[in-house]
Protein backbone atom coordinates (compact mmCIF):
# COMPACT_ATOMS: atom_id res chain seq x y z
CA MET A 1 80.59 94.73 195.25
CA GLU A 2 80.89 92.09 192.56
CA PRO A 3 84.59 91.11 191.78
CA LYS A 4 84.47 92.31 188.41
CA GLN A 5 82.75 96.08 189.47
CA PHE A 6 85.09 96.21 192.39
CA MET A 7 88.34 95.65 189.81
CA LEU A 8 86.78 97.77 187.18
CA PHE A 9 86.61 100.99 190.22
CA CYS A 10 89.79 100.68 191.32
CA LEU A 11 91.33 100.61 187.42
CA ASN A 12 88.96 103.62 186.33
CA PHE A 13 89.80 105.21 189.80
CA SER A 14 93.75 104.88 189.13
CA GLY A 15 93.64 106.08 185.11
CA LEU A 16 94.33 102.90 183.95
CA VAL A 17 90.95 102.13 182.33
CA TYR A 18 88.52 104.26 181.12
CA VAL A 19 86.19 102.01 178.92
CA ASN A 20 82.61 103.23 179.07
CA GLY A 21 83.59 106.14 181.58
CA GLY A 22 82.69 109.94 181.09
CA LEU A 23 84.09 113.06 180.09
CA PHE A 24 85.93 113.55 183.86
CA LEU A 25 87.82 110.15 183.97
CA LYS A 26 89.00 110.71 180.12
CA ALA A 27 90.63 113.84 181.47
CA TYR A 28 91.82 112.16 184.49
CA VAL A 29 93.65 109.76 181.97
CA ILE A 30 95.34 112.74 180.34
CA TYR A 31 95.87 114.35 183.63
CA GLN A 32 97.99 111.15 184.73
CA THR A 33 99.71 111.01 181.05
CA CYS A 34 100.99 114.34 181.04
CA ALA A 35 101.85 114.14 184.43
CA TYR A 36 104.26 111.28 183.73
CA ILE A 37 105.54 112.98 181.53
CA ILE A 38 106.48 116.45 183.01
CA PHE A 39 107.99 114.49 186.09
CA GLY A 40 110.23 112.41 183.93
CA THR A 41 111.17 115.45 181.82
CA SER A 42 111.90 117.64 184.68
CA LEU A 43 113.81 115.33 186.52
CA ILE A 44 115.94 114.54 184.00
CA LEU A 45 116.16 118.14 182.74
CA PHE A 46 116.69 120.13 186.75
CA ALA A 47 118.24 117.13 188.79
CA TYR A 48 120.29 114.72 187.36
CA PHE A 49 122.55 116.68 185.20
CA GLU A 50 123.54 118.91 187.87
CA PRO A 51 126.78 118.77 189.26
CA LYS A 52 125.77 116.77 192.65
CA PRO A 53 127.53 114.19 195.15
CA LEU A 54 127.39 110.58 194.35
CA ILE A 55 124.48 110.37 196.84
CA ALA A 56 121.85 113.22 195.31
CA LYS A 57 122.95 111.54 191.70
CA LEU A 58 121.70 107.83 193.31
CA GLN A 59 118.84 109.36 195.05
CA THR A 60 117.44 111.33 191.36
CA LEU A 61 118.32 107.87 190.01
CA HIS A 62 116.38 106.09 192.23
CA PHE A 63 113.04 108.25 191.47
CA LEU A 64 114.22 107.53 188.19
CA ILE A 65 113.93 104.20 187.98
CA ALA A 66 110.52 104.18 189.94
CA LEU A 67 108.72 106.60 187.60
CA SER A 68 109.93 104.73 184.42
CA GLN A 69 108.73 101.47 185.91
CA ILE A 70 105.09 102.72 187.09
CA PHE A 71 105.13 104.77 183.76
CA CYS A 72 105.34 101.33 181.51
CA LYS A 73 102.89 99.76 183.88
CA PHE A 74 100.53 102.95 183.20
CA LEU A 75 100.90 103.21 179.45
CA SER A 76 100.99 99.45 178.75
CA ILE A 77 97.10 98.69 180.79
CA ALA A 78 95.69 102.20 179.24
CA LEU A 79 96.60 101.24 175.34
CA ASN A 80 95.49 97.96 176.83
CA GLN A 81 92.27 98.88 178.39
CA ARG A 82 89.72 97.22 176.25
CA GLU A 83 91.97 93.87 176.04
CA THR A 84 91.65 93.86 180.14
CA VAL A 85 88.03 95.00 180.11
CA ASP A 86 87.11 91.60 178.09
CA ILE A 87 89.81 89.38 180.02
CA LEU A 88 87.58 90.80 183.07
CA ASP A 89 84.34 89.97 181.38
CA ASN A 90 85.33 86.56 180.48
CA LEU A 91 86.48 85.53 184.03
CA GLU A 92 82.77 86.76 184.98
CA LYS A 93 81.39 84.64 182.33
CA LEU A 94 83.50 81.95 183.32
CA SER A 95 82.56 81.81 186.36
CA MET A 96 78.89 81.64 185.59
CA GLU A 97 79.11 78.90 182.90
CA ALA A 98 80.75 76.75 185.50
CA PHE A 99 79.69 73.33 186.94
CA THR A 100 77.05 74.54 189.51
CA ASP A 101 76.99 71.39 191.65
CA LYS A 102 77.53 72.22 195.73
CA LYS A 103 81.26 71.78 195.88
CA ASN A 104 81.93 74.16 193.27
CA SER A 105 79.77 76.46 194.06
CA ASP A 106 81.67 76.88 197.65
CA ILE A 107 85.02 76.86 195.53
CA LEU A 108 83.54 79.79 193.66
CA LYS A 109 82.47 81.42 196.37
CA ARG A 110 85.02 81.42 198.21
CA VAL A 111 87.37 82.55 195.24
CA ASN A 112 84.98 85.78 194.40
CA LYS A 113 85.38 86.78 198.64
CA SER A 114 89.08 86.34 198.41
CA SER A 115 89.79 88.46 194.72
CA THR A 116 87.83 91.19 196.30
CA LYS A 117 89.65 91.03 200.02
CA LEU A 118 93.26 90.37 199.05
CA PRO A 119 93.53 93.32 196.18
CA LYS A 120 91.69 95.77 198.82
CA ILE A 121 94.17 95.12 201.55
CA PHE A 122 97.79 94.86 199.44
CA MET A 123 95.79 97.91 197.59
CA TYR A 124 95.41 99.99 200.91
CA VAL A 125 99.16 98.91 201.71
CA PHE A 126 100.74 99.98 198.67
CA CYS A 127 98.76 103.46 198.73
CA GLY A 128 98.57 104.02 202.60
CA TYR A 129 102.39 105.46 202.67
CA TYR A 130 102.06 108.34 200.55
CA PRO A 131 98.71 110.40 202.42
CA LEU A 132 100.92 109.65 205.87
CA ARG A 133 103.94 111.07 204.29
CA THR A 134 102.16 113.69 203.26
CA ILE A 135 100.44 114.51 206.50
CA ASN A 136 104.00 113.91 208.17
CA LEU A 137 105.35 117.13 206.09
CA LEU A 138 102.28 119.17 206.47
CA VAL A 139 102.78 118.87 209.81
CA ARG A 140 106.53 119.71 210.27
CA TYR A 141 105.62 122.63 207.64
CA PHE A 142 103.10 124.33 209.77
CA ILE A 143 103.53 122.80 213.54
CA PHE A 144 107.41 122.33 213.98
CA LYS A 145 108.15 124.96 211.42
CA SER A 146 110.37 123.54 208.89
CA PRO A 147 112.95 125.04 207.02
CA GLN A 148 112.21 127.18 204.07
CA LYS A 149 113.83 125.22 201.76
CA PHE A 150 112.55 121.54 200.33
CA VAL A 151 115.58 119.62 201.03
CA GLU A 152 113.62 116.12 201.57
CA ALA A 153 113.99 115.08 197.69
CA SER A 154 117.20 115.90 195.74
CA TRP A 155 114.91 114.86 192.28
CA ILE A 156 112.74 118.33 192.92
CA PRO A 157 113.80 120.82 190.14
CA PRO A 158 116.10 123.70 192.14
CA PHE A 159 113.23 126.38 190.99
CA LEU A 160 110.29 124.46 193.45
CA ALA A 161 112.66 122.92 196.17
CA TYR A 162 113.57 126.72 196.51
CA ASN A 163 109.92 127.13 198.54
CA TYR A 164 109.14 124.16 200.95
CA LEU A 165 105.44 124.25 200.00
CA THR A 166 105.91 124.59 196.04
CA GLY A 167 108.75 121.62 196.98
CA LEU A 168 105.76 119.51 199.00
CA LEU A 169 102.89 120.17 196.24
CA TYR A 170 105.36 119.12 193.76
CA GLN A 171 106.04 115.74 195.96
CA VAL A 172 102.43 114.91 196.51
CA ALA A 173 101.63 115.20 192.90
CA THR A 174 104.24 113.12 192.00
CA CYS A 175 103.59 110.63 194.35
CA LEU A 176 99.93 110.19 194.26
CA CYS A 177 100.03 109.32 190.94
CA THR A 178 102.73 106.80 191.35
CA GLY A 179 100.91 105.11 194.00
CA PHE A 180 97.26 104.56 192.71
CA THR A 181 99.17 102.93 189.86
CA ASN A 182 101.13 100.57 191.48
CA ALA A 183 98.07 99.72 193.46
CA ALA A 184 95.61 99.00 190.75
CA TYR A 185 99.13 97.46 188.77
CA THR A 186 99.60 94.89 191.60
CA GLY A 187 95.86 94.68 192.46
CA LEU A 188 94.86 93.55 189.25
CA ILE A 189 97.78 91.07 188.57
CA ILE A 190 96.14 88.92 192.63
CA PHE A 191 92.66 89.30 191.03
CA LEU A 192 93.61 87.65 187.87
CA THR A 193 95.35 85.11 189.68
CA ILE A 194 92.84 84.29 192.18
CA GLN A 195 90.11 84.10 189.63
CA LEU A 196 91.77 81.84 187.14
CA SER A 197 93.60 80.19 190.28
CA GLY A 198 89.74 79.37 191.16
CA GLN A 199 88.87 78.05 187.89
CA ILE A 200 91.11 75.53 187.41
CA GLN A 201 90.21 74.28 190.69
CA VAL A 202 86.83 73.92 189.77
CA LEU A 203 88.13 71.97 186.41
CA ARG A 204 90.17 69.74 188.40
CA ARG A 205 87.24 68.97 191.06
CA ALA A 206 85.13 68.27 188.16
CA MET A 207 87.71 65.75 186.53
CA GLU A 208 87.92 63.85 190.02
CA ASP A 209 84.28 63.58 189.71
CA GLY A 210 83.64 62.28 186.71
CA HIS A 211 82.35 65.20 185.17
CA PRO A 212 81.35 64.65 181.53
CA ILE A 213 84.84 64.90 179.35
CA LYS A 214 83.89 66.56 177.03
CA GLN A 215 82.38 69.30 178.84
CA CYS A 216 86.18 69.27 180.82
CA VAL A 217 87.87 69.33 177.82
CA ILE A 218 85.89 72.65 176.59
CA LEU A 219 86.39 74.18 180.01
CA HIS A 220 90.36 73.45 180.33
CA GLN A 221 90.84 74.96 176.18
CA LYS A 222 88.88 78.30 177.27
CA LEU A 223 91.27 78.49 180.47
CA LEU A 224 93.96 77.85 178.50
CA ARG A 225 92.70 80.45 175.67
CA LEU A 226 92.27 83.21 178.68
CA PHE A 227 95.55 82.45 180.90
CA PHE A 228 97.65 83.56 177.16
CA ARG A 229 95.81 86.51 177.15
CA ILE A 230 96.56 87.00 180.47
CA ASN A 231 99.86 86.29 180.14
CA ARG A 232 100.84 88.48 176.76
CA LEU A 233 99.18 91.22 178.41
CA LEU A 234 101.57 91.22 181.77
CA ASN A 235 104.84 89.61 180.75
CA ALA A 236 107.05 92.05 179.88
CA LEU A 237 105.77 94.21 182.60
CA MET A 238 106.63 90.99 185.22
CA LEU A 239 110.51 91.43 183.12
CA ALA A 240 110.25 95.23 183.59
CA GLU A 241 109.31 94.77 187.41
CA TYR A 242 111.96 91.84 187.91
CA ILE A 243 114.97 93.89 186.30
CA LEU A 244 113.87 97.46 187.31
CA SER A 245 113.19 96.43 191.11
CA SER A 246 116.38 95.00 191.79
CA LEU A 247 118.47 97.94 190.36
CA TYR A 248 115.96 100.00 192.93
CA SER A 249 116.27 97.75 195.84
CA CYS A 250 120.15 98.01 195.53
CA ILE A 251 119.68 102.03 195.07
CA SER A 252 117.38 102.06 198.29
CA THR A 253 119.48 99.66 200.50
CA PHE A 254 122.86 101.86 199.81
CA LEU A 255 120.97 104.76 200.81
CA ILE A 256 119.81 103.38 204.02
CA LEU A 257 123.27 102.33 204.59
CA LYS A 258 124.93 105.74 204.00
CA SER A 259 122.27 107.00 205.89
CA LEU A 260 123.19 104.78 209.08
CA SER A 261 126.65 105.85 209.03
CA SER A 262 125.78 109.49 208.64
CA GLY A 263 123.02 110.03 211.65
CA GLY A 264 120.55 108.28 210.01
CA LYS A 265 118.19 110.78 208.51
CA GLY A 266 116.32 109.18 205.97
CA VAL A 267 116.48 105.96 206.72
CA ALA A 268 112.70 105.30 207.73
CA ASN A 269 111.44 106.48 204.92
CA ASN A 270 114.10 104.63 202.82
CA ALA A 271 113.44 101.43 204.71
CA TYR A 272 109.84 101.38 204.32
CA VAL A 273 109.76 101.68 200.13
CA LEU A 274 112.49 98.95 199.80
CA VAL A 275 109.55 96.62 202.11
CA LEU A 276 107.07 97.62 199.57
CA VAL A 277 109.38 97.25 196.40
CA LEU A 278 110.20 93.48 197.82
CA LEU A 279 106.55 93.13 199.13
CA ARG A 280 105.64 93.80 195.35
CA VAL A 281 107.43 91.76 193.61
CA PHE A 282 107.14 88.88 196.55
CA LEU A 283 103.77 89.08 195.53
CA ILE A 284 103.89 88.75 191.87
CA CYS A 285 106.12 85.75 191.99
CA TYR A 286 104.06 84.27 194.78
CA CYS A 287 101.11 84.76 192.16
CA GLY A 288 103.23 82.83 189.66
CA ASN A 289 103.71 80.08 191.91
CA ILE A 290 100.14 79.88 192.63
CA ILE A 291 99.01 79.40 188.72
CA GLN A 292 101.97 77.11 188.49
CA THR A 293 100.72 74.78 191.56
CA GLN A 294 96.93 74.45 190.36
CA GLY A 295 98.46 73.61 186.90
CA GLU A 296 100.38 70.83 188.21
CA LYS A 297 97.62 69.85 190.22
CA LEU A 298 95.24 69.62 187.24
CA HIS A 299 97.83 67.79 185.27
CA SER A 300 97.77 65.26 188.51
CA SER A 301 94.24 65.05 188.10
CA VAL A 302 93.65 64.58 184.28
CA TYR A 303 96.43 61.73 184.64
CA PHE A 304 95.10 59.35 187.72
CA GLY A 305 91.62 59.41 186.82
CA GLU A 306 89.93 56.63 185.17
CA TRP A 307 89.70 57.69 181.87
CA TYR A 308 91.37 54.55 180.22
CA ARG A 309 88.12 53.20 181.05
CA LYS A 310 86.15 55.62 178.99
CA ARG A 311 84.88 55.20 175.43
CA LEU A 312 87.75 55.63 173.17
CA PRO A 313 87.23 59.37 171.97
CA GLU A 314 86.84 60.61 175.49
CA GLN A 315 90.16 58.82 175.80
CA LYS A 316 91.98 60.80 172.88
CA SER A 317 90.26 63.95 174.52
CA VAL A 318 91.86 63.30 177.78
CA GLN A 319 95.15 62.39 176.02
CA LEU A 320 94.95 65.52 174.03
CA MET A 321 93.99 67.26 177.21
CA LEU A 322 97.38 65.57 179.47
CA ALA A 323 99.64 66.61 176.23
CA LEU A 324 98.62 70.18 176.72
CA THR A 325 98.96 70.53 180.46
CA MET A 326 102.59 69.63 179.78
CA VAL A 327 103.36 71.57 176.25
CA GLN A 328 101.16 74.28 177.88
CA PRO A 329 101.33 74.66 180.85
CA PHE A 330 99.96 77.62 182.91
CA LYS A 331 102.79 79.54 183.93
CA TYR A 332 103.22 83.31 183.97
CA ASN A 333 106.71 83.28 181.93
CA TYR A 334 108.01 86.01 179.22
CA ARG A 335 108.59 84.30 176.02
CA ARG A 336 110.04 81.28 178.09
CA ILE A 337 112.93 83.05 178.83
CA LEU A 338 111.87 84.03 182.71
CA THR A 339 109.17 81.81 184.45
CA VAL A 340 107.67 83.98 187.29
CA ASP A 341 107.80 82.31 190.52
CA MET A 342 109.26 82.29 193.87
CA ALA A 343 112.64 80.72 192.49
CA LEU A 344 112.59 84.27 190.28
CA PHE A 345 112.52 85.86 193.33
CA LEU A 346 115.47 84.40 195.37
CA LYS A 347 117.24 85.83 192.00
CA SER A 348 115.95 89.07 192.62
CA ILE A 349 117.22 89.17 196.06
CA HIS A 350 120.17 87.55 194.68
CA THR A 351 120.88 90.29 192.36
CA THR A 352 120.29 92.86 194.16
CA TYR A 353 122.73 91.77 196.33
CA SER A 354 125.36 91.78 193.50
CA TYR A 355 124.56 95.13 192.53
CA LEU A 356 124.99 96.15 196.00
CA THR A 357 128.78 94.93 196.63
CA MET A 358 129.52 96.53 192.88
CA LEU A 359 127.92 99.91 194.28
CA LEU A 360 129.88 99.84 198.08
CA SER A 361 132.50 98.63 195.94
CA PHE A 362 132.46 101.86 193.44
CA ALA A 363 131.41 104.22 196.45
CA ASP A 364 134.70 103.15 198.42
CA HIS A 365 137.00 103.74 195.32
CA LYS A 366 135.46 107.00 194.59
């Protein structure tokens, strides 16, 4: 399967994109939207405002943060699905129009292979948890005869949790929606980063190998325009990911510590979810680092090239290109306030630790 077709299949399967899809696909997207709204509303009405101890309140808030974060991703990509598909089309078009010498062809082959393989691996990682969790709960229900009530999650409405099977079905329906959306969103970021990074490498090699300056400048302008569109599509979601993931990680760690002090029940589940959240933030920040590094290498290749020996019009074109690589670098950012790179990941860990310290202090005083 070609990289673009693979990514479109993943987005269609998760319900994020239904452009050129049939009636079933549109019905599936409507189901996803309604499911998120119903789950969120029931979570607030039936779970959060009931008098419960601090741990139960935090478990509910924990899931509410996750649901809000995932619904934002679903809504943002679904509302901009034509833009998303157009970006994928442009990336494919750039690959076909790229310099066709052997060195650049090898780069594009590696890029196409990686942009299919790596997103697939991480999507399996993010989706795999939910089927395994469901199988575990079903085995406990049918073989080990779990109790009548479903006490696995305090955020499930009481009238559903009263029966184990209805509570289990509610959790499965909720988690499958969230799992597919999270996996497809993370896969999309990895895919776009690898493809764009490969195109920047091709441009860099072209500059180093002395390809015509005019063609290089045109390709650079196309890449910049495409990058700005990708950044505009994803930057607000990356900001939300940073803020909400810090809160989510803080509550997850707090629940793990409290579980350890009260017998260890639920530690494995919370620990696994925490690892998935941190892995997702790490991957997004690492993708930002890859793009930033490739942009810096491109600037070096342009600067240290022998452009000063070219004719005056070509020199001016290269000078403009140098200015653009400095003023408008390849960086995932939110309005120049937040830059997505590995420094942001470390900042996220530090923020989580600060929140956790305050929460532990509050719990001790209470």
